Amino acid sequence: MDSELWGILTDSFGKILMAGIRTTIPLTIIAFSFGLIIALITALVQYAKVPVLRQIARFYIWLIRGTPLLVQLAIIFYGLPALGIRVDAFAAAAVGLSICEGAYMAETLRGSLEAVDPGQSEAGYCVGLSFWQIMAQVVLPQAFRTAFPALSNSLISLLKDTSLAANITVVEMFMTTQRIAGRTYRFMPLYIEVAIVYLIFCSIITMIQHRVEKRLNRYQAKEAH
């Protein structure tokens, strides 16, 4: 490796990492948090078989899962201004990623809710608990434990999907890399470098996921005894 390239990579690594800390990570956390709220509401509506709302939830999931995330982001950022609605690039990315991730996680949570033994809900009604009390105290804790691995995978996928925000001018890690590559014409080394940074972030999430899963497994083992 020549000294010029080494200098470019060492200088760019800090800039890419800072873009990740300042933009990519916050965008991921915000989108995942709001996406989880959307997913929980959508899953509960389907689980409770609420008339009309259940059909709306199914339509939302069908629509979002059937269209590309990049197109959704473009509609929000470039399309809404035609209707007189202007959205900041970061906010547009957060909204688009939240809506998209919510649809996928809703199916994960719905499956986890349905996997809980119906007999437990019936037992809750027998002792006088309301639907929401049963959800909060009995069903949801078990459903979230079941869904945790899949939700963690969704978080990792979301982190990588934030790179699409570069297409709507969000200066995250990939956009930062593109700008540096455009000035230096060292595309391959820089793209490999940003891939390594993404890999580092995803590996940290994976490590946390494994530790939490071990604790959940120990907790379930204690409950079984």
C-alpha atoms as a PDB file:
ATOM      1  CA  MET A   1       0.000   0.000   0.000  1.00  0.00           C
ATOM      2  CA  ASP A   2       1.464   3.352  -1.041  1.00  0.00           C
ATOM      3  CA  SER A   3       1.889   6.100   1.520  1.00  0.00           C
ATOM      4  CA  GLU A   4      -0.640   8.388  -0.195  1.00  0.00           C
ATOM      5  CA  LEU A   5      -3.399   5.790  -0.019  1.00  0.00           C
ATOM      6  CA  TRP A   6      -2.532   4.977   3.587  1.00  0.00           C
ATOM      7  CA  GLY A   7      -2.797   8.665   4.456  1.00  0.00           C
ATOM      8  CA  ILE A   8      -6.194   8.914   2.742  1.00  0.00           C
ATOM      9  CA  LEU A   9      -7.529   5.857   4.561  1.00  0.00           C
ATOM     10  CA  THR A  10      -6.299   6.899   8.002  1.00  0.00           C
ATOM     11  CA  ASP A  11      -7.739  10.377   7.534  1.00  0.00           C
ATOM     12  CA  SER A  12     -11.046   9.139   6.138  1.00  0.00           C
ATOM     13  CA  PHE A  13     -11.572   6.480   8.816  1.00  0.00           C
ATOM     14  CA  GLY A  14     -12.108   9.093  11.508  1.00  0.00           C
ATOM     15  CA  LYS A  15     -14.491  11.081   9.303  1.00  0.00           C
ATOM     16  CA  ILE A  16     -16.526   8.002   8.389  1.00  0.00           C
ATOM     17  CA  LEU A  17     -16.641   6.863  12.012  1.00  0.00           C
ATOM     18  CA  MET A  18     -17.810  10.298  13.193  1.00  0.00           C
ATOM     19  CA  ALA A  19     -20.509  10.327  10.518  1.00  0.00           C
ATOM     20  CA  GLY A  20     -21.624   6.979  11.896  1.00  0.00           C
ATOM     21  CA  ILE A  21     -21.715   8.224  15.491  1.00  0.00           C
ATOM     22  CA  ARG A  22     -23.378  11.547  14.650  1.00  0.00           C
ATOM     23  CA  THR A  23     -25.854  10.428  11.978  1.00  0.00           C
ATOM     24  CA  THR A  24     -26.034   6.688  11.235  1.00  0.00           C
ATOM     25  CA  ILE A  25     -26.414   5.494  14.836  1.00  0.00           C
ATOM     26  CA  PRO A  26     -28.968   8.177  15.867  1.00  0.00           C
ATOM     27  CA  LEU A  27     -30.944   7.536  12.672  1.00  0.00           C
ATOM     28  CA  THR A  28     -30.934   3.808  13.397  1.00  0.00           C
ATOM     29  CA  ILE A  29     -32.058   4.258  17.000  1.00  0.00           C
ATOM     30  CA  ILE A  30     -34.834   6.712  16.113  1.00  0.00           C
ATOM     31  CA  ALA A  31     -36.138   4.628  13.201  1.00  0.00           C
ATOM     32  CA  PHE A  32     -36.015   1.391  15.200  1.00  0.00           C
ATOM     33  CA  SER A  33     -37.809   2.937  18.192  1.00  0.00           C
ATOM     34  CA  PHE A  34     -40.659   4.430  16.162  1.00  0.00           C
ATOM     35  CA  GLY A  35     -40.756   1.361  13.923  1.00  0.00           C
ATOM     36  CA  LEU A  36     -41.197  -0.846  16.989  1.00  0.00           C
ATOM     37  CA  ILE A  37     -44.091   1.317  18.196  1.00  0.00           C
ATOM     38  CA  ILE A  38     -45.755   1.091  14.769  1.00  0.00           C
ATOM     39  CA  ALA A  39     -45.119  -2.662  14.689  1.00  0.00           C
ATOM     40  CA  LEU A  40     -46.580  -3.220  18.154  1.00  0.00           C
ATOM     41  CA  ILE A  41     -49.768  -1.295  17.351  1.00  0.00           C
ATOM     42  CA  THR A  42     -50.142  -3.052  13.994  1.00  0.00           C
ATOM     43  CA  ALA A  43     -49.535  -6.489  15.507  1.00  0.00           C
ATOM     44  CA  LEU A  44     -51.991  -5.918  18.373  1.00  0.00           C
ATOM     45  CA  VAL A  45     -54.688  -4.723  15.972  1.00  0.00           C
ATOM     46  CA  GLN A  46     -54.329  -7.956  14.019  1.00  0.00           C
ATOM     47  CA  TYR A  47     -54.038 -10.154  17.108  1.00  0.00           C
ATOM     48  CA  ALA A  48     -57.204  -8.633  18.619  1.00  0.00           C
ATOM     49  CA  LYS A  49     -58.975  -8.891  15.237  1.00  0.00           C
ATOM     50  CA  VAL A  50     -60.226  -5.296  15.452  1.00  0.00           C
ATOM     51  CA  PRO A  51     -62.708  -4.717  12.589  1.00  0.00           C
ATOM     52  CA  VAL A  52     -61.607  -2.304   9.828  1.00  0.00           C
ATOM     53  CA  LEU A  53     -58.322  -1.509  11.599  1.00  0.00           C
ATOM     54  CA  ARG A  54     -57.202  -5.071  10.969  1.00  0.00           C
ATOM     55  CA  GLN A  55     -57.776  -4.638   7.228  1.00  0.00           C
ATOM     56  CA  ILE A  56     -55.939  -1.299   7.283  1.00  0.00           C
ATOM     57  CA  ALA A  57     -53.005  -2.958   9.066  1.00  0.00           C
ATOM     58  CA  ARG A  58     -52.867  -5.754   6.489  1.00  0.00           C
ATOM     59  CA  PHE A  59     -52.974  -3.206   3.653  1.00  0.00           C
ATOM     60  CA  TYR A  60     -50.142  -1.192   5.243  1.00  0.00           C
ATOM     61  CA  ILE A  61     -47.961  -4.288   5.593  1.00  0.00           C
ATOM     62  CA  TRP A  62     -48.757  -5.416   2.032  1.00  0.00           C
ATOM     63  CA  LEU A  63     -47.979  -1.989   0.584  1.00  0.00           C
ATOM     64  CA  ILE A  64     -44.736  -1.337   2.447  1.00  0.00           C
ATOM     65  CA  ARG A  65     -43.303  -4.838   2.084  1.00  0.00           C
ATOM     66  CA  GLY A  66     -44.162  -4.835  -1.613  1.00  0.00           C
ATOM     67  CA  THR A  67     -42.351  -1.608  -2.528  1.00  0.00           C
ATOM     68  CA  PRO A  68     -38.611  -0.772  -2.323  1.00  0.00           C
ATOM     69  CA  LEU A  69     -37.380   1.270   0.625  1.00  0.00           C
ATOM     70  CA  LEU A  70     -35.451   3.540  -1.754  1.00  0.00           C
ATOM     71  CA  VAL A  71     -38.680   4.402  -3.586  1.00  0.00           C
ATOM     72  CA  GLN A  72     -40.440   5.094  -0.282  1.00  0.00           C
ATOM     73  CA  LEU A  73     -37.669   7.484   0.781  1.00  0.00           C
ATOM     74  CA  ALA A  74     -37.818   9.244  -2.594  1.00  0.00           C
ATOM     75  CA  ILE A  75     -41.585   9.706  -2.306  1.00  0.00           C
ATOM     76  CA  ILE A  76     -41.258  11.248   1.152  1.00  0.00           C
ATOM     77  CA  PHE A  77     -38.305  13.537   0.380  1.00  0.00           C
ATOM     78  CA  TYR A  78     -38.802  14.397  -3.292  1.00  0.00           C
ATOM     79  CA  GLY A  79     -42.509  13.694  -3.768  1.00  0.00           C
ATOM     80  CA  LEU A  80     -44.149  15.370  -0.773  1.00  0.00           C
ATOM     81  CA  PRO A  81     -42.820  18.871  -1.667  1.00  0.00           C
ATOM     82  CA  ALA A  82     -45.053  18.686  -4.773  1.00  0.00           C
ATOM     83  CA  LEU A  83     -47.971  18.586  -2.329  1.00  0.00           C
ATOM     84  CA  GLY A  84     -46.593  21.509  -0.361  1.00  0.00           C
ATOM     85  CA  ILE A  85     -45.083  19.332   2.376  1.00  0.00           C
ATOM     86  CA  ARG A  86     -41.353  19.871   2.842  1.00  0.00           C
ATOM     87  CA  VAL A  87     -39.446  17.499   5.076  1.00  0.00           C
ATOM     88  CA  ASP A  88     -35.842  17.780   6.266  1.00  0.00           C
ATOM     89  CA  ALA A  89     -33.606  15.063   4.815  1.00  0.00           C
ATOM     90  CA  PHE A  90     -32.841  13.461   8.179  1.00  0.00           C
ATOM     91  CA  ALA A  91     -36.494  13.576   9.227  1.00  0.00           C
ATOM     92  CA  ALA A  92     -37.562  12.109   5.874  1.00  0.00           C
ATOM     93  CA  ALA A  93     -35.091   9.265   6.322  1.00  0.00           C
ATOM     94  CA  ALA A  94     -36.276   8.634   9.888  1.00  0.00           C
ATOM     95  CA  VAL A  95     -39.930   8.587   8.831  1.00  0.00           C
ATOM     96  CA  GLY A  96     -39.298   6.358   5.812  1.00  0.00           C
ATOM     97  CA  LEU A  97     -37.144   3.877   7.715  1.00  0.00           C
ATOM     98  CA  SER A  98     -39.598   3.781  10.647  1.00  0.00           C
ATOM     99  CA  ILE A  99     -42.577   3.064   8.407  1.00  0.00           C
ATOM    100  CA  CYS A 100     -40.700   0.411   6.438  1.00  0.00           C
ATOM    101  CA  GLU A 101     -39.188  -1.304   9.466  1.00  0.00           C
ATOM    102  CA  GLY A 102     -42.524  -1.174  11.281  1.00  0.00           C
ATOM    103  CA  ALA A 103     -44.167  -3.288   8.583  1.00  0.00           C
ATOM    104  CA  TYR A 104     -41.556  -6.030   8.822  1.00  0.00           C
ATOM    105  CA  MET A 105     -41.391  -6.063  12.602  1.00  0.00           C
ATOM    106  CA  ALA A 106     -45.200  -6.114  12.796  1.00  0.00           C
ATOM    107  CA  GLU A 107     -45.202  -9.544  11.188  1.00  0.00           C
ATOM    108  CA  THR A 108     -42.503 -10.711  13.593  1.00  0.00           C
ATOM    109  CA  LEU A 109     -44.507  -9.546  16.598  1.00  0.00           C
ATOM    110  CA  ARG A 110     -47.782 -10.908  15.226  1.00  0.00           C
ATOM    111  CA  GLY A 111     -46.237 -14.349  14.883  1.00  0.00           C
ATOM    112  CA  SER A 112     -44.793 -14.122  18.395  1.00  0.00           C
ATOM    113  CA  LEU A 113     -48.129 -13.062  19.863  1.00  0.00           C
ATOM    114  CA  GLU A 114     -49.912 -15.947  18.175  1.00  0.00           C
ATOM    115  CA  ALA A 115     -47.253 -18.360  19.443  1.00  0.00           C
ATOM    116  CA  VAL A 116     -48.245 -17.672  23.065  1.00  0.00           C
ATOM    117  CA  ASP A 117     -50.531 -20.405  24.395  1.00  0.00           C
ATOM    118  CA  PRO A 118     -54.158 -19.105  24.126  1.00  0.00           C
ATOM    119  CA  GLY A 119     -54.912 -20.922  27.353  1.00  0.00           C
ATOM    120  CA  GLN A 120     -52.915 -18.318  29.259  1.00  0.00           C
ATOM    121  CA  SER A 121     -55.173 -15.544  27.986  1.00  0.00           C
ATOM    122  CA  GLU A 122     -58.240 -17.576  28.907  1.00  0.00           C
ATOM    123  CA  ALA A 123     -56.822 -18.082  32.391  1.00  0.00           C
ATOM    124  CA  GLY A 124     -56.304 -14.327  32.656  1.00  0.00           C
ATOM    125  CA  TYR A 125     -59.949 -13.645  31.801  1.00  0.00           C
ATOM    126  CA  CYS A 126     -61.016 -16.241  34.358  1.00  0.00           C
ATOM    127  CA  VAL A 127     -59.247 -14.356  37.167  1.00  0.00           C
ATOM    128  CA  GLY A 128     -60.816 -11.068  36.079  1.00  0.00           C
ATOM    129  CA  LEU A 129     -58.010  -9.445  34.088  1.00  0.00           C
ATOM    130  CA  SER A 130     -58.906  -7.103  31.221  1.00  0.00           C
ATOM    131  CA  PHE A 131     -57.586  -7.554  27.688  1.00  0.00           C
ATOM    132  CA  TRP A 132     -54.901  -4.891  28.176  1.00  0.00           C
ATOM    133  CA  GLN A 133     -53.842  -6.335  31.530  1.00  0.00           C
ATOM    134  CA  ILE A 134     -53.453  -9.760  29.932  1.00  0.00           C
ATOM    135  CA  MET A 135     -51.442  -8.230  27.102  1.00  0.00           C
ATOM    136  CA  ALA A 136     -49.145  -6.278  29.428  1.00  0.00           C
ATOM    137  CA  GLN A 137     -48.650  -8.913  32.118  1.00  0.00           C
ATOM    138  CA  VAL A 138     -48.941 -12.234  30.299  1.00  0.00           C
ATOM    139  CA  VAL A 139     -48.777 -12.184  26.512  1.00  0.00           C
ATOM    140  CA  LEU A 140     -46.408  -9.358  25.554  1.00  0.00           C
ATOM    141  CA  PRO A 141     -43.511 -10.335  27.864  1.00  0.00           C
ATOM    142  CA  GLN A 142     -43.500 -13.848  26.374  1.00  0.00           C
ATOM    143  CA  ALA A 143     -43.972 -12.569  22.830  1.00  0.00           C
ATOM    144  CA  PHE A 144     -41.056 -10.157  23.110  1.00  0.00           C
ATOM    145  CA  ARG A 145     -38.783 -12.905  24.436  1.00  0.00           C
ATOM    146  CA  THR A 146     -39.707 -15.049  21.439  1.00  0.00           C
ATOM    147  CA  ALA A 147     -39.329 -12.167  18.994  1.00  0.00           C
ATOM    148  CA  PHE A 148     -36.047 -10.840  20.396  1.00  0.00           C
ATOM    149  CA  PRO A 149     -33.662 -12.657  17.985  1.00  0.00           C
ATOM    150  CA  ALA A 150     -35.718 -11.616  14.952  1.00  0.00           C
ATOM    151  CA  LEU A 151     -36.025  -8.031  16.198  1.00  0.00           C
ATOM    152  CA  SER A 152     -32.256  -7.906  16.732  1.00  0.00           C
ATOM    153  CA  ASN A 153     -31.755  -9.037  13.150  1.00  0.00           C
ATOM    154  CA  SER A 154     -34.135  -6.283  12.043  1.00  0.00           C
ATOM    155  CA  LEU A 155     -31.995  -3.765  13.925  1.00  0.00           C
ATOM    156  CA  ILE A 156     -28.868  -4.963  12.121  1.00  0.00           C
ATOM    157  CA  SER A 157     -30.638  -4.786   8.749  1.00  0.00           C
ATOM    158  CA  LEU A 158     -31.897  -1.301   9.599  1.00  0.00           C
ATOM    159  CA  LEU A 159     -28.384  -0.105  10.420  1.00  0.00           C
ATOM    160  CA  LYS A 160     -27.232  -1.196   6.968  1.00  0.00           C
ATOM    161  CA  ASP A 161     -30.346   0.225   5.282  1.00  0.00           C
ATOM    162  CA  THR A 162     -29.496   3.701   6.586  1.00  0.00           C
ATOM    163  CA  SER A 163     -26.935   3.829   3.761  1.00  0.00           C
ATOM    164  CA  LEU A 164     -29.902   4.379   1.410  1.00  0.00           C
ATOM    165  CA  ALA A 165     -30.457   7.731   3.121  1.00  0.00           C
ATOM    166  CA  ALA A 166     -27.467   8.998   1.132  1.00  0.00           C
ATOM    167  CA  ASN A 167     -29.802   9.045  -1.873  1.00  0.00           C
ATOM    168  CA  ILE A 168     -31.878  11.783  -0.229  1.00  0.00           C
ATOM    169  CA  THR A 169     -28.810  13.860   0.768  1.00  0.00           C
ATOM    170  CA  VAL A 170     -28.412  12.637   4.373  1.00  0.00           C
ATOM    171  CA  VAL A 171     -24.716  12.909   5.194  1.00  0.00           C
ATOM    172  CA  GLU A 172     -24.277   9.548   6.887  1.00  0.00           C
ATOM    173  CA  MET A 173     -21.369   7.138   6.564  1.00  0.00           C
ATOM    174  CA  PHE A 174     -21.887   6.154   2.947  1.00  0.00           C
ATOM    175  CA  MET A 175     -22.447   9.727   1.755  1.00  0.00           C
ATOM    176  CA  THR A 176     -19.295  10.807   3.618  1.00  0.00           C
ATOM    177  CA  THR A 177     -17.358   8.012   1.894  1.00  0.00           C
ATOM    178  CA  GLN A 178     -18.733   8.975  -1.515  1.00  0.00           C
ATOM    179  CA  ARG A 179     -17.594  12.563  -1.040  1.00  0.00           C
ATOM    180  CA  ILE A 180     -14.082  11.521  -0.028  1.00  0.00           C
ATOM    181  CA  ALA A 181     -13.899   9.039  -2.922  1.00  0.00           C
ATOM    182  CA  GLY A 182     -15.076  11.728  -5.327  1.00  0.00           C
ATOM    183  CA  ARG A 183     -12.172  13.964  -4.290  1.00  0.00           C
ATOM    184  CA  THR A 184      -9.473  11.287  -4.159  1.00  0.00           C
ATOM    185  CA  TYR A 185     -10.642   8.828  -6.868  1.00  0.00           C
ATOM    186  CA  ARG A 186      -9.774   5.953  -4.508  1.00  0.00           C
ATOM    187  CA  PHE A 187     -13.184   4.286  -4.721  1.00  0.00           C
ATOM    188  CA  MET A 188     -12.434   0.630  -3.988  1.00  0.00           C
ATOM    189  CA  PRO A 189     -10.278   1.120  -0.857  1.00  0.00           C
ATOM    190  CA  LEU A 190     -12.697   3.660   0.593  1.00  0.00           C
ATOM    191  CA  TYR A 191     -15.776   1.525  -0.059  1.00  0.00           C
ATOM    192  CA  ILE A 192     -14.021  -1.400   1.593  1.00  0.00           C
ATOM    193  CA  GLU A 193     -13.196   0.849   4.527  1.00  0.00           C
ATOM    194  CA  VAL A 194     -16.808   1.971   5.028  1.00  0.00           C
ATOM    195  CA  ALA A 195     -17.914  -1.673   4.735  1.00  0.00           C
ATOM    196  CA  ILE A 196     -15.525  -2.494   7.594  1.00  0.00           C
ATOM    197  CA  VAL A 197     -17.033   0.297   9.718  1.00  0.00           C
ATOM    198  CA  TYR A 198     -20.534  -1.063   9.085  1.00  0.00           C
ATOM    199  CA  LEU A 199     -19.233  -4.504  10.008  1.00  0.00           C
ATOM    200  CA  ILE A 200     -17.828  -3.161  13.289  1.00  0.00           C
ATOM    201  CA  PHE A 201     -21.161  -1.584  14.251  1.00  0.00           C
ATOM    202  CA  CYS A 202     -23.121  -4.707  13.285  1.00  0.00           C
ATOM    203  CA  SER A 203     -20.696  -6.919  15.201  1.00  0.00           C
ATOM    204  CA  ILE A 204     -21.220  -4.850  18.355  1.00  0.00           C
ATOM    205  CA  ILE A 205     -25.003  -5.257  18.021  1.00  0.00           C
ATOM    206  CA  THR A 206     -24.546  -9.002  17.465  1.00  0.00           C
ATOM    207  CA  MET A 207     -22.420  -9.316  20.606  1.00  0.00           C
ATOM    208  CA  ILE A 208     -25.051  -7.481  22.655  1.00  0.00           C
ATOM    209  CA  GLN A 209     -27.759  -9.667  21.110  1.00  0.00           C
ATOM    210  CA  HIS A 210     -25.981 -12.868  22.144  1.00  0.00           C
ATOM    211  CA  ARG A 211     -25.495 -11.657  25.718  1.00  0.00           C
ATOM    212  CA  VAL A 212     -29.137 -10.641  26.084  1.00  0.00           C
ATOM    213  CA  GLU A 213     -30.283 -13.943  24.566  1.00  0.00           C
ATOM    214  CA  LYS A 214     -28.217 -15.858  27.143  1.00  0.00           C
ATOM    215  CA  ARG A 215     -29.833 -13.898  29.971  1.00  0.00           C
ATOM    216  CA  LEU A 216     -33.301 -14.498  28.518  1.00  0.00           C
ATOM    217  CA  ASN A 217     -32.561 -18.218  28.225  1.00  0.00           C
ATOM    218  CA  ARG A 218     -31.415 -18.355  31.849  1.00  0.00           C
ATOM    219  CA  TYR A 219     -34.549 -16.476  32.907  1.00  0.00           C
ATOM    220  CA  GLN A 220     -36.772 -18.895  30.981  1.00  0.00           C
ATOM    221  CA  ALA A 221     -34.930 -21.849  32.513  1.00  0.00           C
ATOM    222  CA  LYS A 222     -35.612 -20.468  36.023  1.00  0.00           C
ATOM    223  CA  GLU A 223     -39.296 -19.965  35.164  1.00  0.00           C
ATOM    224  CA  ALA A 224     -39.519 -23.543  33.916  1.00  0.00           C
ATOM    225  CA  HIS A 225     -38.247 -24.813  37.270  1.00  0.00           C
END
